[in-house]
N, C-alpha and C. Protein backbone atom coordinates (compact mmCIF):
# COMPACT_ATOMS: atom_id res chain seq x y z
N UNK A 1 -222.49 -0.35 -123.16
CA UNK A 1 -222.08 0.81 -122.76
C UNK A 1 -222.63 1.59 -121.83
N UNK A 2 -222.37 2.26 -120.74
CA UNK A 2 -223.25 2.79 -119.61
C UNK A 2 -223.55 4.16 -119.91
N UNK A 3 -224.70 4.58 -119.82
CA UNK A 3 -225.05 5.96 -120.10
C UNK A 3 -225.36 6.60 -118.77
N UNK A 4 -224.88 8.10 -118.70
CA UNK A 4 -224.76 8.63 -117.50
C UNK A 4 -225.96 9.62 -117.53
N UNK A 5 -226.92 9.71 -116.88
CA UNK A 5 -227.91 10.59 -116.91
C UNK A 5 -227.44 11.80 -115.39
N UNK A 6 -226.83 13.08 -116.00
CA UNK A 6 -226.37 13.86 -115.28
C UNK A 6 -227.41 15.04 -115.39
N UNK A 7 -227.67 15.50 -114.10
CA UNK A 7 -228.53 16.91 -114.15
C UNK A 7 -227.48 17.94 -114.28
N UNK A 8 -228.18 19.40 -114.16
CA UNK A 8 -227.24 20.51 -114.39
C UNK A 8 -226.59 20.51 -112.98
N UNK A 9 -227.17 20.08 -111.91
CA UNK A 9 -226.40 20.34 -110.58
C UNK A 9 -225.51 19.16 -110.49
N UNK A 10 -225.74 17.92 -110.96
CA UNK A 10 -224.40 17.27 -110.76
C UNK A 10 -223.24 17.41 -111.90
N UNK A 11 -223.54 18.01 -112.81
CA UNK A 11 -222.34 18.97 -113.60
C UNK A 11 -221.60 20.04 -112.98
N UNK A 12 -222.56 20.61 -112.19
CA UNK A 12 -221.95 21.58 -111.67
C UNK A 12 -221.21 21.24 -110.35
N UNK A 13 -221.50 20.14 -109.66
CA UNK A 13 -220.68 19.56 -108.81
C UNK A 13 -219.38 18.86 -109.22
N UNK A 14 -219.74 18.38 -110.41
CA UNK A 14 -218.51 17.70 -111.02
C UNK A 14 -217.29 18.78 -111.22
N UNK A 15 -217.73 19.90 -111.76
CA UNK A 15 -216.88 20.88 -112.10
C UNK A 15 -216.60 21.51 -110.72
N UNK A 16 -216.95 21.81 -109.74
CA UNK A 16 -216.60 22.16 -108.57
C UNK A 16 -215.63 21.48 -107.89
N UNK A 17 -215.83 19.99 -108.05
CA UNK A 17 -214.67 19.29 -107.68
C UNK A 17 -213.17 19.20 -108.53
N UNK A 18 -213.55 19.48 -109.87
CA UNK A 18 -212.22 19.68 -110.65
C UNK A 18 -211.60 21.04 -110.09
N UNK A 19 -212.28 22.02 -109.60
CA UNK A 19 -211.69 23.32 -109.44
C UNK A 19 -210.96 23.17 -108.02
N UNK A 20 -211.44 22.41 -107.28
CA UNK A 20 -211.05 21.83 -105.83
C UNK A 20 -209.58 21.26 -106.11
N UNK A 21 -209.32 20.27 -106.86
CA UNK A 21 -208.42 19.41 -107.21
C UNK A 21 -207.22 19.96 -107.40
N UNK A 22 -206.86 21.26 -108.10
CA UNK A 22 -205.31 21.66 -108.32
C UNK A 22 -204.96 22.46 -107.22
N UNK A 23 -205.83 22.98 -106.31
CA UNK A 23 -205.26 23.69 -104.94
C UNK A 23 -205.10 22.90 -104.06
N UNK A 24 -205.40 21.69 -104.07
CA UNK A 24 -205.28 20.53 -102.82
C UNK A 24 -203.86 20.68 -102.01
N UNK A 25 -202.87 21.05 -102.78
CA UNK A 25 -201.51 20.96 -102.19
C UNK A 25 -201.29 22.36 -101.27
N UNK A 26 -201.85 23.63 -101.65
CA UNK A 26 -201.80 24.76 -101.04
C UNK A 26 -202.92 24.89 -99.91
N UNK A 27 -203.93 24.21 -99.84
CA UNK A 27 -205.07 24.66 -98.82
C UNK A 27 -204.83 23.73 -97.71
N UNK A 28 -205.40 24.01 -96.45
CA UNK A 28 -205.57 23.10 -95.55
C UNK A 28 -206.30 21.98 -95.69
N UNK A 29 -205.85 21.01 -95.03
CA UNK A 29 -206.66 19.63 -95.52
C UNK A 29 -208.32 19.81 -94.80
N UNK A 30 -208.56 20.29 -93.78
CA UNK A 30 -209.75 20.50 -93.38
C UNK A 30 -210.94 21.23 -94.34
N UNK A 31 -209.96 21.99 -95.19
CA UNK A 31 -210.94 23.19 -96.14
C UNK A 31 -211.24 21.93 -97.22
N UNK A 32 -210.14 21.50 -97.77
CA UNK A 32 -210.38 20.35 -98.84
C UNK A 32 -211.45 19.31 -98.69
N UNK A 33 -211.25 18.89 -97.42
CA UNK A 33 -212.23 17.85 -96.98
C UNK A 33 -213.89 18.31 -96.78
N UNK A 34 -213.57 19.47 -96.62
CA UNK A 34 -214.92 20.03 -96.36
C UNK A 34 -215.79 20.22 -97.68
N UNK A 35 -214.65 20.88 -98.49
CA UNK A 35 -215.35 20.86 -100.12
C UNK A 35 -215.62 19.51 -100.69
N UNK A 36 -214.95 18.35 -100.46
CA UNK A 36 -215.14 17.07 -100.95
C UNK A 36 -216.54 16.76 -100.38
N UNK A 37 -216.67 16.94 -99.10
CA UNK A 37 -217.93 16.55 -98.45
C UNK A 37 -218.99 17.27 -99.14
N UNK A 38 -218.82 18.25 -99.05
CA UNK A 38 -220.22 19.16 -99.89
C UNK A 38 -220.50 18.74 -101.18
N UNK A 39 -219.51 18.71 -101.99
CA UNK A 39 -219.64 18.21 -103.36
C UNK A 39 -220.49 16.92 -103.37
N UNK A 40 -219.96 15.96 -102.58
CA UNK A 40 -220.54 14.68 -102.37
C UNK A 40 -222.03 14.61 -101.66
N UNK A 41 -222.08 15.57 -100.71
CA UNK A 41 -223.52 15.82 -100.26
C UNK A 41 -224.56 16.22 -101.22
N UNK A 42 -223.98 16.96 -102.33
CA UNK A 42 -224.97 17.63 -103.11
C UNK A 42 -225.24 16.75 -104.47
N UNK A 43 -224.39 15.53 -104.28
CA UNK A 43 -225.00 14.52 -105.50
C UNK A 43 -226.30 14.15 -105.53
N UNK A 44 -227.11 14.21 -106.60
CA UNK A 44 -228.34 13.96 -106.47
C UNK A 44 -228.90 12.58 -105.80
N UNK A 45 -228.01 11.71 -106.04
CA UNK A 45 -228.43 10.34 -105.60
C UNK A 45 -228.23 10.12 -104.01
N UNK A 46 -227.20 10.95 -103.62
CA UNK A 46 -227.09 11.00 -102.12
C UNK A 46 -227.88 11.92 -101.44
N UNK A 47 -228.32 13.24 -102.18
CA UNK A 47 -229.03 14.16 -101.67
C UNK A 47 -230.55 13.84 -101.36
N UNK A 48 -230.89 12.94 -102.11
CA UNK A 48 -232.25 12.37 -101.93
C UNK A 48 -232.61 11.54 -100.81
N UNK A 49 -231.48 10.83 -100.40
CA UNK A 49 -231.17 9.97 -99.13
C UNK A 49 -231.09 10.89 -97.84
N UNK A 50 -230.62 12.06 -97.91
CA UNK A 50 -230.24 12.87 -96.57
C UNK A 50 -231.52 13.26 -95.86
N UNK A 51 -231.27 13.56 -94.51
CA UNK A 51 -232.33 13.99 -93.92
C UNK A 51 -232.60 15.75 -93.93
N UNK A 52 -231.71 16.32 -94.55
CA UNK A 52 -231.54 17.83 -94.77
C UNK A 52 -232.44 18.60 -95.72
N UNK A 53 -233.94 17.95 -95.89
CA UNK A 53 -234.78 18.41 -96.75
C UNK A 53 -235.33 19.74 -96.23
N UNK A 54 -235.41 19.82 -95.29
CA UNK A 54 -235.98 21.40 -94.72
C UNK A 54 -235.25 22.67 -95.15
N UNK A 55 -235.75 23.60 -95.84
CA UNK A 55 -234.70 24.63 -96.33
C UNK A 55 -234.31 25.19 -94.99
N UNK A 56 -234.76 25.39 -94.11
CA UNK A 56 -234.16 26.22 -92.75
C UNK A 56 -233.09 25.37 -92.41
N UNK A 57 -232.99 24.19 -92.22
CA UNK A 57 -232.08 23.34 -91.80
C UNK A 57 -230.78 23.71 -92.53
N UNK A 58 -231.18 23.68 -93.69
CA UNK A 58 -229.72 23.64 -94.98
C UNK A 58 -229.38 25.22 -94.65
N UNK A 59 -230.01 26.12 -94.59
CA UNK A 59 -229.65 27.48 -94.42
C UNK A 59 -228.75 27.64 -93.06
N UNK A 60 -229.27 27.16 -92.06
CA UNK A 60 -228.58 27.02 -90.89
C UNK A 60 -227.44 26.45 -90.77
N UNK A 61 -227.30 25.15 -91.50
CA UNK A 61 -225.77 24.54 -91.70
C UNK A 61 -225.01 25.27 -92.56
N UNK A 62 -225.67 25.80 -93.53
CA UNK A 62 -224.86 26.76 -94.36
C UNK A 62 -224.41 27.66 -93.58
N UNK A 63 -224.98 28.65 -92.80
CA UNK A 63 -224.33 29.72 -92.14
C UNK A 63 -223.27 29.13 -91.00
N UNK A 64 -223.74 28.02 -90.45
CA UNK A 64 -222.57 27.49 -89.38
C UNK A 64 -221.44 27.10 -90.18
N UNK A 65 -221.41 26.55 -91.11
CA UNK A 65 -220.26 26.05 -91.90
C UNK A 65 -219.59 27.13 -92.37
N UNK A 66 -220.15 28.13 -92.79
CA UNK A 66 -219.38 29.48 -93.42
C UNK A 66 -218.68 30.03 -92.17
N UNK A 67 -219.40 30.48 -91.35
CA UNK A 67 -218.68 31.29 -90.28
C UNK A 67 -217.43 30.60 -89.41
N UNK A 68 -217.78 29.27 -89.26
CA UNK A 68 -216.71 28.33 -88.48
C UNK A 68 -215.66 28.29 -89.77
N UNK A 69 -215.84 28.16 -90.63
CA UNK A 69 -214.66 28.19 -91.50
C UNK A 69 -213.70 29.23 -91.81
N UNK A 70 -214.59 30.68 -91.82
CA UNK A 70 -213.81 31.88 -91.93
C UNK A 70 -213.03 31.93 -90.59
N UNK A 71 -213.34 31.54 -89.39
CA UNK A 71 -212.72 31.68 -88.55
C UNK A 71 -211.35 30.68 -88.36
N UNK A 72 -211.76 29.52 -89.02
CA UNK A 72 -210.76 28.30 -89.31
C UNK A 72 -209.65 28.78 -90.20
N UNK A 73 -210.29 29.68 -91.36
CA UNK A 73 -209.13 30.27 -92.02
C UNK A 73 -208.16 31.27 -91.65
N UNK A 74 -208.76 31.97 -90.74
CA UNK A 74 -208.11 32.99 -89.74
C UNK A 74 -206.98 32.42 -89.01
N UNK A 75 -207.49 31.36 -88.30
CA UNK A 75 -206.44 30.74 -87.23
C UNK A 75 -205.24 30.01 -88.12
N UNK A 76 -206.03 29.32 -89.11
CA UNK A 76 -204.66 28.61 -89.92
C UNK A 76 -203.73 29.50 -90.43
N UNK A 77 -204.03 30.86 -91.19
CA UNK A 77 -202.83 31.55 -91.55
C UNK A 77 -202.68 32.76 -90.92
N UNK A 78 -203.44 33.09 -90.13
CA UNK A 78 -203.19 34.45 -88.99
C UNK A 78 -203.07 35.46 -89.61
N UNK A 79 -203.94 35.46 -90.63
CA UNK A 79 -203.90 37.07 -91.39
C UNK A 79 -204.43 37.19 -92.51
N UNK A 80 -204.43 37.94 -93.17
CA UNK A 80 -204.75 38.09 -94.64
C UNK A 80 -203.67 37.99 -95.71
N UNK A 81 -203.56 36.72 -95.99
CA UNK A 81 -202.36 36.52 -97.01
C UNK A 81 -203.04 35.90 -98.41
N UNK A 82 -202.07 35.71 -99.20
CA UNK A 82 -202.48 35.20 -100.66
C UNK A 82 -203.15 33.88 -100.58
N UNK A 83 -202.69 32.94 -99.78
CA UNK A 83 -203.14 31.72 -99.30
C UNK A 83 -204.79 31.57 -98.73
N UNK A 84 -204.82 32.50 -97.78
CA UNK A 84 -206.03 32.78 -97.10
C UNK A 84 -207.11 33.42 -98.08
N UNK A 85 -206.68 34.25 -98.71
CA UNK A 85 -207.78 34.76 -99.68
C UNK A 85 -208.09 33.67 -100.90
N UNK A 86 -207.01 32.84 -101.41
CA UNK A 86 -207.77 31.75 -102.15
C UNK A 86 -208.44 30.76 -101.49
N UNK A 87 -208.35 30.42 -100.05
CA UNK A 87 -209.06 29.85 -99.28
C UNK A 87 -210.39 30.26 -99.10
N UNK A 88 -210.36 31.34 -98.98
CA UNK A 88 -211.89 32.08 -98.79
C UNK A 88 -212.53 32.12 -100.02
N UNK A 89 -211.82 32.39 -101.12
CA UNK A 89 -212.74 32.19 -102.30
C UNK A 89 -212.98 30.93 -102.78
N UNK A 90 -212.52 29.71 -102.43
CA UNK A 90 -212.73 28.49 -102.36
C UNK A 90 -213.91 28.17 -101.35
N UNK A 91 -214.06 28.61 -100.16
CA UNK A 91 -215.17 28.52 -99.44
C UNK A 91 -216.30 29.08 -99.79
N UNK A 92 -216.26 30.37 -100.43
CA UNK A 92 -217.34 30.89 -100.89
C UNK A 92 -218.03 29.99 -102.21
N UNK A 93 -217.17 29.51 -102.76
CA UNK A 93 -217.78 28.42 -104.16
C UNK A 93 -218.37 27.25 -103.22
N UNK A 94 -217.72 26.46 -102.42
CA UNK A 94 -218.46 25.53 -101.46
C UNK A 94 -219.67 25.99 -101.18
N UNK A 95 -219.95 26.90 -100.17
CA UNK A 95 -220.84 27.13 -99.46
C UNK A 95 -222.10 27.83 -100.43
N UNK A 96 -221.87 28.50 -101.50
CA UNK A 96 -222.80 28.99 -102.45
C UNK A 96 -223.63 27.73 -103.07
N UNK A 97 -222.81 26.72 -103.44
CA UNK A 97 -223.67 25.65 -104.02
C UNK A 97 -224.19 24.61 -103.07
N UNK A 98 -224.33 24.86 -101.86
CA UNK A 98 -224.92 24.10 -100.85
C UNK A 98 -226.27 24.22 -100.70
């Protein structure tokens, strides 16, 4: 029997992935892909091997991803709709845990 040693961060990433899955049909493919990529990059095993160890690099990348994704949401939906608001909330969840 295999035993999993999950940290609180790993558990939070799994929960975030479970939140993304039910909305996959209603969200743009690029946003779902971004969410899955961020969740996977935050996984402890993968995170230890990444070069993003400097806090300034992480915050700059977070700011660039967030601002470009807000523009992407506006371009995708063309305004403030229910789907755009759902996408924005998911984007906030993704970038907060980054």
